[in-house]
Amino acid sequence: QVQLVESGGGLVQPGGSLRLSCAASGDIFGFYIMGWYRQAPGKERELVASIGTSLISNYADSVKGRFTISRDNAKKTVYLQMNSLKPEDTAVYYCNLKTYTDYWGQGTQVTVSS
């Protein structure tokens, strides 16, 4: 079984920054992708960014140049540095670990508002 524990959400003003962290534990072996998804009220869950074991990353167009995903393979932890936040970034952010199946964190709220 795999567990994902997220931290770092909160309330921030437009233009501000937040850093999300997600630590994985359990039976994790070999190649796996870690990433962040988000879901705003009334909208579908969408991919924000993902990063593989080889550290190749992928971003949604809406966050390119503002968000940076990174990971520490030894710690099985993924980070999302979010800069220049906009009100439209407001959502619940979910950590995801993908092997032969998907594992999800409990979600952390990010609110961007003045």
C-alpha atoms as a PDB file:
ATOM      1  CA  GLN A   1       0.000   0.000   0.000  1.00  0.00           C
ATOM      2  CA  VAL A   2       1.136   3.557  -0.732  1.00  0.00           C
ATOM      3  CA  GLN A   3       0.382   6.638   1.324  1.00  0.00           C
ATOM      4  CA  LEU A   4       0.785  10.249   0.225  1.00  0.00           C
ATOM      5  CA  VAL A   5       0.867  13.081   2.747  1.00  0.00           C
ATOM      6  CA  GLU A   6       0.586  16.635   1.461  1.00  0.00           C
ATOM      7  CA  SER A   7       1.405  19.917   3.125  1.00  0.00           C
ATOM      8  CA  GLY A   8       1.850  23.581   2.285  1.00  0.00           C
ATOM      9  CA  GLY A   9      -1.516  24.856   1.125  1.00  0.00           C
ATOM     10  CA  GLY A  10      -3.138  28.023   2.404  1.00  0.00           C
ATOM     11  CA  LEU A  11      -4.343  31.507   1.621  1.00  0.00           C
ATOM     12  CA  VAL A  12      -2.153  33.873  -0.365  1.00  0.00           C
ATOM     13  CA  GLN A  13      -2.624  37.187  -2.120  1.00  0.00           C
ATOM     14  CA  PRO A  14      -2.409  37.462  -5.914  1.00  0.00           C
ATOM     15  CA  GLY A  15       1.208  37.587  -6.984  1.00  0.00           C
ATOM     16  CA  GLY A  16       2.314  35.634  -3.941  1.00  0.00           C
ATOM     17  CA  SER A  17       4.001  32.264  -3.603  1.00  0.00           C
ATOM     18  CA  LEU A  18       3.367  28.917  -1.956  1.00  0.00           C
ATOM     19  CA  ARG A  19       5.269  25.660  -1.843  1.00  0.00           C
ATOM     20  CA  LEU A  20       3.488  22.346  -1.680  1.00  0.00           C
ATOM     21  CA  SER A  21       5.147  19.138  -0.509  1.00  0.00           C
ATOM     22  CA  CYS A  22       4.046  15.532  -0.804  1.00  0.00           C
ATOM     23  CA  ALA A  23       5.829  12.673   0.915  1.00  0.00           C
ATOM     24  CA  ALA A  24       5.209   9.113  -0.238  1.00  0.00           C
ATOM     25  CA  SER A  25       5.610   5.996   1.858  1.00  0.00           C
ATOM     26  CA  GLY A  26       4.877   2.311   1.444  1.00  0.00           C
ATOM     27  CA  ASP A  27       5.661  -0.228  -1.261  1.00  0.00           C
ATOM     28  CA  ILE A  28       7.212   1.953  -3.955  1.00  0.00           C
ATOM     29  CA  PHE A  29       9.707   0.395  -6.329  1.00  0.00           C
ATOM     30  CA  GLY A  30      11.220   1.151  -9.687  1.00  0.00           C
ATOM     31  CA  PHE A  31      10.003   3.820 -12.050  1.00  0.00           C
ATOM     32  CA  TYR A  32       7.077   5.981 -11.023  1.00  0.00           C
ATOM     33  CA  ILE A  33       5.734   9.400 -11.845  1.00  0.00           C
ATOM     34  CA  MET A  34       4.778  11.917  -9.190  1.00  0.00           C
ATOM     35  CA  GLY A  35       2.642  14.907  -9.898  1.00  0.00           C
ATOM     36  CA  TRP A  36       0.132  17.484  -8.818  1.00  0.00           C
ATOM     37  CA  TYR A  37      -3.450  17.822  -9.981  1.00  0.00           C
ATOM     38  CA  ARG A  38      -5.994  20.420  -8.991  1.00  0.00           C
ATOM     39  CA  GLN A  39      -9.730  20.688  -8.900  1.00  0.00           C
ATOM     40  CA  ALA A  40     -11.610  23.962  -8.673  1.00  0.00           C
ATOM     41  CA  PRO A  41     -15.300  24.104  -7.676  1.00  0.00           C
ATOM     42  CA  GLY A  42     -17.511  22.967 -10.535  1.00  0.00           C
ATOM     43  CA  LYS A  43     -14.565  21.894 -12.671  1.00  0.00           C
ATOM     44  CA  GLU A  44     -12.875  18.620 -13.488  1.00  0.00           C
ATOM     45  CA  ARG A  45      -9.599  17.607 -11.932  1.00  0.00           C
ATOM     46  CA  GLU A  46      -6.704  18.665 -14.140  1.00  0.00           C
ATOM     47  CA  LEU A  47      -2.990  17.955 -14.307  1.00  0.00           C
ATOM     48  CA  VAL A  48      -0.820  20.810 -13.067  1.00  0.00           C
ATOM     49  CA  ALA A  49       2.642  19.260 -13.351  1.00  0.00           C
ATOM     50  CA  SER A  50       4.327  15.874 -13.228  1.00  0.00           C
ATOM     51  CA  ILE A  51       7.881  14.570 -12.948  1.00  0.00           C
ATOM     52  CA  GLY A  52       9.345  11.148 -13.566  1.00  0.00           C
ATOM     53  CA  THR A  53      12.093   9.256 -11.801  1.00  0.00           C
ATOM     54  CA  SER A  54      14.476  10.598 -14.451  1.00  0.00           C
ATOM     55  CA  LEU A  55      13.417  14.129 -13.416  1.00  0.00           C
ATOM     56  CA  ILE A  56      11.818  14.946 -16.754  1.00  0.00           C
ATOM     57  CA  SER A  57       8.901  17.260 -15.999  1.00  0.00           C
ATOM     58  CA  ASN A  58       5.669  18.248 -17.700  1.00  0.00           C
ATOM     59  CA  TYR A  59       3.463  21.312 -17.060  1.00  0.00           C
ATOM     60  CA  ALA A  60       0.010  22.524 -17.902  1.00  0.00           C
ATOM     61  CA  ASP A  61       0.180  25.545 -20.202  1.00  0.00           C
ATOM     62  CA  SER A  62      -1.603  27.668 -17.620  1.00  0.00           C
ATOM     63  CA  VAL A  63       1.242  27.319 -15.097  1.00  0.00           C
ATOM     64  CA  LYS A  64       4.333  27.253 -17.303  1.00  0.00           C
ATOM     65  CA  GLY A  65       6.857  29.855 -16.197  1.00  0.00           C
ATOM     66  CA  ARG A  66       5.180  30.286 -12.807  1.00  0.00           C
ATOM     67  CA  PHE A  67       5.239  26.830 -11.199  1.00  0.00           C
ATOM     68  CA  THR A  68       8.200  24.503 -10.746  1.00  0.00           C
ATOM     69  CA  ILE A  69       7.945  20.846  -9.855  1.00  0.00           C
ATOM     70  CA  SER A  70      10.848  18.980  -8.307  1.00  0.00           C
ATOM     71  CA  ARG A  71      11.419  15.743  -6.480  1.00  0.00           C
ATOM     72  CA  ASP A  72      13.828  14.069  -4.114  1.00  0.00           C
ATOM     73  CA  ASN A  73      13.968  10.386  -5.053  1.00  0.00           C
ATOM     74  CA  ALA A  74      15.778   9.415  -1.857  1.00  0.00           C
ATOM     75  CA  LYS A  75      13.022  10.987   0.238  1.00  0.00           C
ATOM     76  CA  LYS A  76      10.225   9.944  -2.151  1.00  0.00           C
ATOM     77  CA  THR A  77       8.984  13.503  -1.963  1.00  0.00           C
ATOM     78  CA  VAL A  78       7.676  15.831  -4.630  1.00  0.00           C
ATOM     79  CA  TYR A  79       7.451  19.600  -4.376  1.00  0.00           C
ATOM     80  CA  LEU A  80       5.517  22.256  -6.239  1.00  0.00           C
ATOM     81  CA  GLN A  81       6.843  25.794  -6.031  1.00  0.00           C
ATOM     82  CA  MET A  82       4.076  28.162  -7.089  1.00  0.00           C
ATOM     83  CA  ASN A  83       4.986  31.761  -7.874  1.00  0.00           C
ATOM     84  CA  SER A  84       3.000  34.680  -9.296  1.00  0.00           C
ATOM     85  CA  LEU A  85      -0.197  33.060  -8.103  1.00  0.00           C
ATOM     86  CA  LYS A  86      -3.479  34.150  -9.647  1.00  0.00           C
ATOM     87  CA  PRO A  87      -7.055  33.886  -8.367  1.00  0.00           C
ATOM     88  CA  GLU A  88      -7.708  31.258 -11.033  1.00  0.00           C
ATOM     89  CA  ASP A  89      -5.121  29.023  -9.352  1.00  0.00           C
ATOM     90  CA  THR A  90      -7.536  28.608  -6.452  1.00  0.00           C
ATOM     91  CA  ALA A  91      -8.348  24.930  -6.099  1.00  0.00           C
ATOM     92  CA  VAL A  92      -7.786  21.813  -4.057  1.00  0.00           C
ATOM     93  CA  TYR A  93      -4.393  20.447  -5.050  1.00  0.00           C
ATOM     94  CA  TYR A  94      -3.890  16.686  -5.031  1.00  0.00           C
ATOM     95  CA  CYS A  95      -0.640  14.795  -5.021  1.00  0.00           C
ATOM     96  CA  ASN A  96      -0.517  11.808  -7.361  1.00  0.00           C
ATOM     97  CA  LEU A  97       1.848   8.856  -7.639  1.00  0.00           C
ATOM     98  CA  LYS A  98       1.520   6.739 -10.740  1.00  0.00           C
ATOM     99  CA  THR A  99       2.956   3.228 -11.138  1.00  0.00           C
ATOM    100  CA  TYR A 100       0.701   0.474 -12.448  1.00  0.00           C
ATOM    101  CA  THR A 101      -2.095   2.289 -10.675  1.00  0.00           C
ATOM    102  CA  ASP A 102      -2.840   5.733  -9.329  1.00  0.00           C
ATOM    103  CA  TYR A 103      -2.435   6.770  -5.712  1.00  0.00           C
ATOM    104  CA  TRP A 104      -3.816  10.053  -4.407  1.00  0.00           C
ATOM    105  CA  GLY A 105      -3.227  12.308  -1.462  1.00  0.00           C
ATOM    106  CA  GLN A 106      -6.042  13.771   0.590  1.00  0.00           C
ATOM    107  CA  GLY A 107      -5.772  17.188  -1.074  1.00  0.00           C
ATOM    108  CA  THR A 108      -4.711  20.580   0.198  1.00  0.00           C
ATOM    109  CA  GLN A 109      -6.602  23.816  -0.355  1.00  0.00           C
ATOM    110  CA  VAL A 110      -4.888  26.692  -2.146  1.00  0.00           C
ATOM    111  CA  THR A 111      -6.777  29.981  -2.139  1.00  0.00           C
ATOM    112  CA  VAL A 112      -5.517  33.035  -3.991  1.00  0.00           C
ATOM    113  CA  SER A 113      -7.442  36.097  -2.967  1.00  0.00           C
ATOM    114  CA  SER A 114      -6.943  39.662  -1.823  1.00  0.00           C
END
